[in-house]
Structures are given as C-alpha cells and as structure tokens.
Amino acid sequence: MDKLENNDPNPELHVDADWKNQAQAEKEKLAAKVGDATQPAAAQAAAQSDSTPAITPSFEMIVEQFAGQALMAMGAIPQPGGQRKTDIGLARFFIDSLAVLEDKTKGNLTSDEQRTLLTALTDLRMTYVNVLKNPKK
C-alpha cells in the first residue's frame, strides 16, 4: 500500500489466490449449467451431436423453404401431421416474398441460383392460379 500512498506510477498488484480459485470454480459451474458461452451456438450444437451432419445454408435452400411453405399453404403438400389446409393469403405471402427476393438479388445470382428461383416462382404461380380456379371444398 505504500506505493499507492506515495503516488508511485507502477503500483504493485496483489491478487488473492483464494479469490481467483473461487472465480474459476464459479465460471466452471456456470459453464456446466448453460454450456460454454464463449462458443457460438452452432459450435455448441455440433459438439453435442457429432452424428448429425452439418447443414450449410444456401440460396437454393432459402428458395426451397419459401416454396415449401407456399405449397403447404395451397394444400399441394401436407402439413406436418398429414393435414392439408388451404390458406391462399399465406400462399400469396410466400410467393410475393420470393418475388421480392428475385427483385433484390437481380444481377447478383449465379445462373443456377437464378434458374432455381425462376423455376420455383413459375411453378408456384401456376399452382396458385390452379388453386384459385379449382378451390377444394
């Protein structure tokens, strides 16, 4: 303490070893409870389940997700549980969302990505018109 009272520019730092041990034990206990917060969630999931293959997101997967949701909303494919329900407004939302994606990515897609998006939009729009012409009772 003498060095602090004397305004020494290089004071000594004394760290209590018990305090360090207690802090480390609390950190380990917390990490065991909620997982290591220093790892990203994806890394934690991969570490927990080595048997599950990692899925890499892609533009095509995004298009397929929106298209699948639109098809479910039109009753063209069953929902989880096997039910088929028609919600034409929801179908229109997903189709319009893909149209926004098409507009916002114009000129920035590979030819495969562009073809995937155009094919999905064309097929969905045709299915949408057929559902409107022939509604299920």
N, C-alpha and C. Protein backbone atom coordinates (compact mmCIF):
# COMPACT_ATOMS: atom_id res chain seq x y z
N MET A 1 0.81 -1.19 0.00
CA MET A 1 0.00 0.00 0.00
C MET A 1 0.86 1.26 0.00
N ASP A 2 2.09 1.12 0.44
CA ASP A 2 2.94 2.29 0.50
C ASP A 2 3.11 2.92 -0.87
N LYS A 3 3.21 2.09 -1.89
CA LYS A 3 3.43 2.62 -3.23
C LYS A 3 2.24 3.41 -3.73
N LEU A 4 1.01 3.01 -3.36
CA LEU A 4 -0.18 3.76 -3.76
C LEU A 4 -0.25 5.10 -3.03
N GLU A 5 0.07 5.07 -1.75
CA GLU A 5 0.04 6.30 -0.98
C GLU A 5 1.11 7.27 -1.44
N ASN A 6 2.21 6.76 -1.96
CA ASN A 6 3.30 7.62 -2.42
C ASN A 6 3.12 8.04 -3.87
N ASN A 7 1.97 7.71 -4.48
CA ASN A 7 1.71 8.04 -5.88
C ASN A 7 2.75 7.46 -6.83
N ASP A 8 3.18 6.25 -6.56
CA ASP A 8 4.14 5.56 -7.41
C ASP A 8 3.45 5.24 -8.73
N PRO A 9 4.05 5.56 -9.89
CA PRO A 9 3.41 5.27 -11.18
C PRO A 9 3.31 3.78 -11.48
N ASN A 10 4.03 2.93 -10.80
CA ASN A 10 3.99 1.49 -11.01
C ASN A 10 3.61 0.77 -9.72
N PRO A 11 2.36 0.87 -9.30
CA PRO A 11 2.00 0.20 -8.06
C PRO A 11 1.98 -1.31 -8.24
N GLU A 12 2.20 -2.03 -7.16
CA GLU A 12 2.15 -3.49 -7.21
C GLU A 12 0.71 -3.95 -7.09
N LEU A 13 0.39 -5.01 -7.79
CA LEU A 13 -0.95 -5.58 -7.74
C LEU A 13 -0.87 -6.89 -7.00
N HIS A 14 -1.63 -7.02 -5.94
CA HIS A 14 -1.68 -8.24 -5.17
C HIS A 14 -3.01 -8.91 -5.41
N VAL A 15 -2.98 -10.12 -5.94
CA VAL A 15 -4.20 -10.86 -6.23
C VAL A 15 -4.31 -12.00 -5.23
N ASP A 16 -5.43 -12.05 -4.60
CA ASP A 16 -5.69 -13.09 -3.62
C ASP A 16 -5.93 -14.41 -4.35
N ALA A 17 -5.15 -15.42 -4.08
CA ALA A 17 -5.27 -16.71 -4.77
C ALA A 17 -6.61 -17.36 -4.50
N ASP A 18 -7.14 -17.20 -3.29
CA ASP A 18 -8.46 -17.77 -2.97
C ASP A 18 -9.55 -17.16 -3.86
N TRP A 19 -9.47 -15.87 -4.09
CA TRP A 19 -10.45 -15.19 -4.93
C TRP A 19 -10.40 -15.74 -6.36
N LYS A 20 -9.18 -15.93 -6.88
CA LYS A 20 -9.03 -16.48 -8.22
C LYS A 20 -9.62 -17.88 -8.31
N ASN A 21 -9.35 -18.71 -7.33
CA ASN A 21 -9.88 -20.08 -7.33
C ASN A 21 -11.40 -20.09 -7.26
N GLN A 22 -11.95 -19.22 -6.42
CA GLN A 22 -13.40 -19.15 -6.30
C GLN A 22 -14.04 -18.68 -7.61
N ALA A 23 -13.46 -17.69 -8.24
CA ALA A 23 -13.98 -17.18 -9.51
C ALA A 23 -13.92 -18.27 -10.58
N GLN A 24 -12.84 -19.01 -10.63
CA GLN A 24 -12.70 -20.09 -11.61
C GLN A 24 -13.72 -21.19 -11.37
N ALA A 25 -13.95 -21.53 -10.11
CA ALA A 25 -14.93 -22.57 -9.78
C ALA A 25 -16.34 -22.13 -10.18
N GLU A 26 -16.68 -20.86 -9.95
CA GLU A 26 -17.99 -20.35 -10.35
C GLU A 26 -18.14 -20.35 -11.87
N LYS A 27 -17.08 -20.00 -12.56
CA LYS A 27 -17.11 -19.99 -14.02
C LYS A 27 -17.34 -21.41 -14.56
N GLU A 28 -16.66 -22.38 -13.99
CA GLU A 28 -16.81 -23.77 -14.43
C GLU A 28 -18.22 -24.29 -14.12
N LYS A 29 -18.76 -23.92 -12.98
CA LYS A 29 -20.11 -24.35 -12.61
C LYS A 29 -21.14 -23.75 -13.58
N LEU A 30 -20.99 -22.48 -13.91
CA LEU A 30 -21.89 -21.83 -14.85
C LEU A 30 -21.77 -22.44 -16.24
N ALA A 31 -20.55 -22.70 -16.67
CA ALA A 31 -20.34 -23.30 -17.99
C ALA A 31 -20.97 -24.68 -18.07
N ALA A 32 -20.90 -25.43 -17.00
CA ALA A 32 -21.51 -26.76 -17.00
C ALA A 32 -23.03 -26.66 -17.04
N LYS A 33 -23.58 -25.62 -16.44
CA LYS A 33 -25.03 -25.45 -16.40
C LYS A 33 -25.61 -25.05 -17.75
N VAL A 34 -25.04 -24.05 -18.39
CA VAL A 34 -25.62 -23.49 -19.61
C VAL A 34 -24.76 -23.70 -20.85
N GLY A 35 -23.70 -24.41 -20.75
CA GLY A 35 -22.81 -24.58 -21.90
C GLY A 35 -21.80 -23.45 -21.92
N ASP A 36 -20.74 -23.64 -22.62
CA ASP A 36 -19.68 -22.64 -22.68
C ASP A 36 -20.13 -21.47 -23.53
N ALA A 37 -20.36 -20.33 -22.91
CA ALA A 37 -20.88 -19.15 -23.61
C ALA A 37 -19.87 -18.56 -24.59
N THR A 38 -18.62 -18.99 -24.50
CA THR A 38 -17.63 -18.44 -25.42
C THR A 38 -17.71 -19.09 -26.79
N GLN A 39 -18.41 -20.24 -26.89
CA GLN A 39 -18.56 -20.90 -28.17
C GLN A 39 -19.85 -20.43 -28.83
N PRO A 40 -19.84 -20.24 -30.16
CA PRO A 40 -21.07 -19.91 -30.85
C PRO A 40 -22.07 -21.06 -30.71
N ALA A 41 -23.36 -20.74 -30.85
CA ALA A 41 -24.41 -21.75 -30.69
C ALA A 41 -24.22 -22.91 -31.68
N ALA A 42 -23.81 -22.60 -32.89
CA ALA A 42 -23.62 -23.65 -33.90
C ALA A 42 -22.51 -24.60 -33.47
N ALA A 43 -21.45 -24.06 -32.89
CA ALA A 43 -20.35 -24.91 -32.45
C ALA A 43 -20.78 -25.78 -31.27
N GLN A 44 -21.60 -25.21 -30.38
CA GLN A 44 -22.12 -25.99 -29.27
C GLN A 44 -22.98 -27.14 -29.77
N ALA A 45 -23.86 -26.85 -30.73
CA ALA A 45 -24.73 -27.88 -31.27
C ALA A 45 -23.92 -28.97 -31.95
N ALA A 46 -22.90 -28.58 -32.68
CA ALA A 46 -22.07 -29.57 -33.37
C ALA A 46 -21.31 -30.43 -32.36
N ALA A 47 -20.85 -29.82 -31.28
CA ALA A 47 -20.12 -30.57 -30.27
C ALA A 47 -21.04 -31.55 -29.55
N GLN A 48 -22.31 -31.16 -29.36
CA GLN A 48 -23.25 -32.02 -28.66
C GLN A 48 -23.71 -33.18 -29.52
N SER A 49 -23.80 -32.98 -30.82
CA SER A 49 -24.34 -34.01 -31.70
C SER A 49 -23.42 -34.23 -32.89
N ASP A 50 -22.41 -35.06 -32.69
CA ASP A 50 -21.47 -35.33 -33.76
C ASP A 50 -22.08 -36.19 -34.86
N SER A 51 -23.15 -36.91 -34.56
CA SER A 51 -23.76 -37.79 -35.56
C SER A 51 -24.63 -37.03 -36.55
N THR A 52 -25.05 -35.81 -36.22
CA THR A 52 -25.87 -35.02 -37.11
C THR A 52 -24.97 -34.27 -38.09
N PRO A 53 -25.19 -34.47 -39.40
CA PRO A 53 -24.34 -33.76 -40.35
C PRO A 53 -24.63 -32.26 -40.32
N ALA A 54 -23.61 -31.48 -40.52
CA ALA A 54 -23.77 -30.03 -40.56
C ALA A 54 -24.44 -29.65 -41.88
N ILE A 55 -25.40 -28.75 -41.80
CA ILE A 55 -26.09 -28.27 -42.99
C ILE A 55 -25.61 -26.86 -43.26
N THR A 56 -25.13 -26.65 -44.47
CA THR A 56 -24.66 -25.34 -44.85
C THR A 56 -25.78 -24.60 -45.57
N PRO A 57 -26.20 -23.45 -45.04
CA PRO A 57 -27.26 -22.70 -45.69
C PRO A 57 -26.84 -22.26 -47.10
N SER A 58 -27.81 -22.22 -47.99
CA SER A 58 -27.53 -21.77 -49.35
C SER A 58 -28.74 -21.01 -49.88
N PHE A 59 -28.53 -20.32 -50.95
CA PHE A 59 -29.63 -19.58 -51.57
C PHE A 59 -30.73 -20.55 -52.00
N GLU A 60 -30.34 -21.67 -52.56
CA GLU A 60 -31.31 -22.66 -53.01
C GLU A 60 -32.17 -23.16 -51.86
N MET A 61 -31.56 -23.35 -50.69
CA MET A 61 -32.32 -23.81 -49.52
C MET A 61 -33.35 -22.77 -49.09
N ILE A 62 -32.99 -21.51 -49.17
CA ILE A 62 -33.93 -20.45 -48.82
C ILE A 62 -35.12 -20.48 -49.77
N VAL A 63 -34.84 -20.60 -51.06
CA VAL A 63 -35.91 -20.67 -52.06
C VAL A 63 -36.79 -21.88 -51.79
N GLU A 64 -36.18 -23.02 -51.52
CA GLU A 64 -36.94 -24.25 -51.26
C GLU A 64 -37.81 -24.11 -50.01
N GLN A 65 -37.32 -23.43 -48.99
CA GLN A 65 -38.10 -23.25 -47.77
C GLN A 65 -39.35 -22.41 -48.05
N PHE A 66 -39.18 -21.30 -48.75
CA PHE A 66 -40.32 -20.46 -49.08
C PHE A 66 -41.29 -21.20 -50.00
N ALA A 67 -40.76 -21.91 -50.97
CA ALA A 67 -41.61 -22.66 -51.90
C ALA A 67 -42.40 -23.74 -51.17
N GLY A 68 -41.75 -24.45 -50.26
CA GLY A 68 -42.43 -25.48 -49.49
C GLY A 68 -43.55 -24.90 -48.64
N GLN A 69 -43.29 -23.76 -48.02
CA GLN A 69 -44.33 -23.10 -47.22
C GLN A 69 -45.50 -22.67 -48.09
N ALA A 70 -45.21 -22.16 -49.27
CA ALA A 70 -46.28 -21.75 -50.19
C ALA A 70 -47.09 -22.96 -50.63
N LEU A 71 -46.43 -24.06 -50.95
CA LEU A 71 -47.14 -25.27 -51.36
C LEU A 71 -48.00 -25.82 -50.24
N MET A 72 -47.51 -25.78 -49.02
CA MET A 72 -48.33 -26.23 -47.88
C MET A 72 -49.55 -25.33 -47.72
N ALA A 73 -49.34 -24.02 -47.87
CA ALA A 73 -50.45 -23.08 -47.71
C ALA A 73 -51.50 -23.26 -48.81
N MET A 74 -51.10 -23.78 -49.96
CA MET A 74 -52.05 -24.03 -51.05
C MET A 74 -52.65 -25.43 -50.96
N GLY A 75 -52.22 -26.21 -49.99
CA GLY A 75 -52.73 -27.57 -49.85
C GLY A 75 -52.13 -28.55 -50.84
N ALA A 76 -51.09 -28.14 -51.54
CA ALA A 76 -50.47 -29.01 -52.55
C ALA A 76 -49.62 -30.09 -51.90
N ILE A 77 -49.09 -29.82 -50.74
CA ILE A 77 -48.36 -30.83 -49.96
C ILE A 77 -48.90 -30.79 -48.54
N PRO A 78 -48.88 -31.93 -47.85
CA PRO A 78 -49.43 -31.95 -46.49
C PRO A 78 -48.56 -31.19 -45.50
N GLN A 79 -49.22 -30.65 -44.50
CA GLN A 79 -48.53 -30.01 -43.40
C GLN A 79 -48.00 -31.10 -42.47
N PRO A 80 -47.12 -30.74 -41.55
CA PRO A 80 -46.70 -31.73 -40.56
C PRO A 80 -47.93 -32.28 -39.86
N GLY A 81 -48.02 -33.57 -39.75
CA GLY A 81 -49.20 -34.20 -39.18
C GLY A 81 -50.11 -34.76 -40.26
N GLY A 82 -49.81 -34.47 -41.52
CA GLY A 82 -50.55 -35.05 -42.63
C GLY A 82 -51.77 -34.28 -43.09
N GLN A 83 -52.12 -33.20 -42.42
CA GLN A 83 -53.30 -32.43 -42.83
C GLN A 83 -52.99 -31.54 -44.03
N ARG A 84 -54.00 -31.33 -44.83
CA ARG A 84 -53.88 -30.38 -45.95
C ARG A 84 -54.89 -29.27 -45.72
N LYS A 85 -54.37 -28.08 -45.55
CA LYS A 85 -55.23 -26.90 -45.36
C LYS A 85 -54.86 -25.88 -46.41
N THR A 86 -55.85 -25.11 -46.81
CA THR A 86 -55.61 -24.08 -47.80
C THR A 86 -55.75 -22.71 -47.14
N ASP A 87 -54.69 -21.93 -47.26
CA ASP A 87 -54.69 -20.55 -46.80
C ASP A 87 -54.08 -19.74 -47.94
N ILE A 88 -54.95 -19.31 -48.85
CA ILE A 88 -54.49 -18.68 -50.08
C ILE A 88 -53.74 -17.37 -49.80
N GLY A 89 -54.13 -16.66 -48.73
CA GLY A 89 -53.42 -15.43 -48.37
C GLY A 89 -51.99 -15.70 -47.93
N LEU A 90 -51.81 -16.75 -47.17
CA LEU A 90 -50.47 -17.13 -46.73
C LEU A 90 -49.63 -17.60 -47.92
N ALA A 91 -50.25 -18.35 -48.81
CA ALA A 91 -49.54 -18.80 -50.02
C ALA A 91 -49.07 -17.59 -50.83
N ARG A 92 -49.94 -16.62 -50.95
CA ARG A 92 -49.61 -15.40 -51.71
C ARG A 92 -48.44 -14.67 -51.04
N PHE A 93 -48.43 -14.65 -49.70
CA PHE A 93 -47.33 -14.02 -48.97
C PHE A 93 -45.99 -14.66 -49.33
N PHE A 94 -45.93 -15.99 -49.31
CA PHE A 94 -44.66 -16.66 -49.60
C PHE A 94 -44.24 -16.48 -51.06
N ILE A 95 -45.19 -16.51 -51.97
CA ILE A 95 -44.86 -16.28 -53.38
C ILE A 95 -44.37 -14.85 -53.58
N ASP A 96 -45.05 -13.90 -52.96
CA ASP A 96 -44.61 -12.50 -53.06
C ASP A 96 -43.24 -12.29 -52.40
N SER A 97 -42.98 -13.03 -51.34
CA SER A 97 -41.66 -12.94 -50.68
C SER A 97 -40.55 -13.40 -51.63
N LEU A 98 -40.83 -14.47 -52.36
CA LEU A 98 -39.85 -14.94 -53.34
C LEU A 98 -39.68 -13.92 -54.47
N ALA A 99 -40.76 -13.24 -54.84
CA ALA A 99 -40.67 -12.21 -55.87
C ALA A 99 -39.81 -11.04 -55.39
N VAL A 100 -39.93 -10.68 -54.12
CA VAL A 100 -39.08 -9.64 -53.55
C VAL A 100 -37.62 -10.09 -53.56
N LEU A 101 -37.40 -11.34 -53.20
CA LEU A 101 -36.04 -11.90 -53.22
C LEU A 101 -35.47 -11.84 -54.64
N GLU A 102 -36.29 -12.17 -55.61
CA GLU A 102 -35.86 -12.10 -57.01
C GLU A 102 -35.47 -10.68 -57.38
N ASP A 103 -36.30 -9.73 -57.00
CA ASP A 103 -36.04 -8.33 -57.34
C ASP A 103 -34.77 -7.81 -56.66
N LYS A 104 -34.60 -8.15 -55.39
CA LYS A 104 -33.47 -7.62 -54.61
C LYS A 104 -32.14 -8.29 -54.95
N THR A 105 -32.19 -9.47 -55.56
CA THR A 105 -30.94 -10.17 -55.88
C THR A 105 -30.61 -10.11 -57.37
N LYS A 106 -31.41 -9.39 -58.13
CA LYS A 106 -31.20 -9.31 -59.58
C LYS A 106 -29.78 -8.89 -59.90
N GLY A 107 -29.12 -9.66 -60.73
CA GLY A 107 -27.74 -9.37 -61.13
C GLY A 107 -26.68 -9.89 -60.17
N ASN A 108 -27.11 -10.49 -59.06
CA ASN A 108 -26.14 -10.97 -58.07
C ASN A 108 -26.19 -12.47 -57.88
N LEU A 109 -26.92 -13.19 -58.71
CA LEU A 109 -27.07 -14.63 -58.55
C LEU A 109 -26.28 -15.38 -59.62
N THR A 110 -25.87 -16.59 -59.28
CA THR A 110 -25.26 -17.45 -60.29
C THR A 110 -26.39 -17.92 -61.21
N SER A 111 -26.03 -18.49 -62.33
CA SER A 111 -27.06 -18.96 -63.26
C SER A 111 -27.90 -20.07 -62.63
N ASP A 112 -27.30 -20.94 -61.84
CA ASP A 112 -28.05 -21.99 -61.15
C ASP A 112 -29.02 -21.40 -60.12
N GLU A 113 -28.57 -20.43 -59.38
CA GLU A 113 -29.44 -19.79 -58.39
C GLU A 113 -30.61 -19.08 -59.08
N GLN A 114 -30.31 -18.38 -60.15
CA GLN A 114 -31.35 -17.68 -60.90
C GLN A 114 -32.37 -18.66 -61.46
N ARG A 115 -31.90 -19.77 -62.01
CA ARG A 115 -32.79 -20.80 -62.57
C ARG A 115 -33.67 -21.42 -61.48
N THR A 116 -33.07 -21.69 -60.32
CA THR A 116 -33.83 -22.25 -59.21
C THR A 116 -34.95 -21.31 -58.79
N LEU A 117 -34.63 -20.05 -58.65
CA LEU A 117 -35.63 -19.06 -58.23
C LEU A 117 -36.71 -18.88 -59.29
N LEU A 118 -36.33 -18.77 -60.54
CA LEU A 118 -37.31 -18.58 -61.62
C LEU A 118 -38.22 -19.80 -61.76
N THR A 119 -37.66 -20.98 -61.68
CA THR A 119 -38.46 -22.21 -61.77
C THR A 119 -39.44 -22.29 -60.61
N ALA A 120 -38.97 -22.00 -59.40
CA ALA A 120 -39.84 -22.05 -58.23
C ALA A 120 -40.98 -21.04 -58.36
N LEU A 121 -40.67 -19.82 -58.76
CA LEU A 121 -41.71 -18.80 -58.90
C LEU A 121 -42.72 -19.17 -59.98
N THR A 122 -42.25 -19.67 -61.10
CA THR A 122 -43.15 -20.06 -62.19
C THR A 122 -44.08 -21.18 -61.74
N ASP A 123 -43.51 -22.21 -61.14
CA ASP A 123 -44.32 -23.34 -60.68
C ASP A 123 -45.32 -22.91 -59.60
N LEU A 124 -44.89 -22.09 -58.67
CA LEU A 124 -45.77 -21.65 -57.60
C LEU A 124 -46.91 -20.77 -58.14
N ARG A 125 -46.58 -19.91 -59.07
CA ARG A 125 -47.63 -19.04 -59.64
C ARG A 125 -48.65 -19.86 -60.41
N MET A 126 -48.19 -20.87 -61.12
CA MET A 126 -49.13 -21.74 -61.86
C MET A 126 -50.02 -22.52 -60.88
N THR A 127 -49.43 -23.04 -59.83
CA THR A 127 -50.20 -23.76 -58.82
C THR A 127 -51.20 -22.83 -58.14
N TYR A 128 -50.79 -21.62 -57.87
CA TYR A 128 -51.65 -20.63 -57.22
C TYR A 128 -52.88 -20.35 -58.09
N VAL A 129 -52.66 -20.16 -59.38
CA VAL A 129 -53.79 -19.90 -60.29
C VAL A 129 -54.70 -21.11 -60.34
N ASN A 130 -54.14 -22.31 -60.38
CA ASN A 130 -54.97 -23.53 -60.40
C ASN A 130 -55.79 -23.67 -59.12
N VAL A 131 -55.22 -23.31 -57.99
CA VAL A 131 -55.95 -23.39 -56.73
C VAL A 131 -57.08 -22.36 -56.73
N LEU A 132 -56.83 -21.19 -57.28
CA LEU A 132 -57.89 -20.18 -57.35
C LEU A 132 -59.02 -20.61 -58.28
N LYS A 133 -58.68 -21.27 -59.39
CA LYS A 133 -59.70 -21.73 -60.36
C LYS A 133 -60.47 -22.93 -59.82
N ASN A 134 -59.78 -23.79 -59.10
CA ASN A 134 -60.40 -25.03 -58.61
C ASN A 134 -60.24 -25.15 -57.11
N PRO A 135 -60.95 -24.32 -56.35
CA PRO A 135 -60.79 -24.41 -54.89
C PRO A 135 -61.34 -25.72 -54.37
N LYS A 136 -60.67 -26.28 -53.39
CA LYS A 136 -61.13 -27.54 -52.78
C LYS A 136 -62.25 -27.23 -51.83
N LYS A 137 -63.22 -28.09 -51.82
CA LYS A 137 -64.38 -27.86 -50.96
C LYS A 137 -64.26 -28.58 -49.66
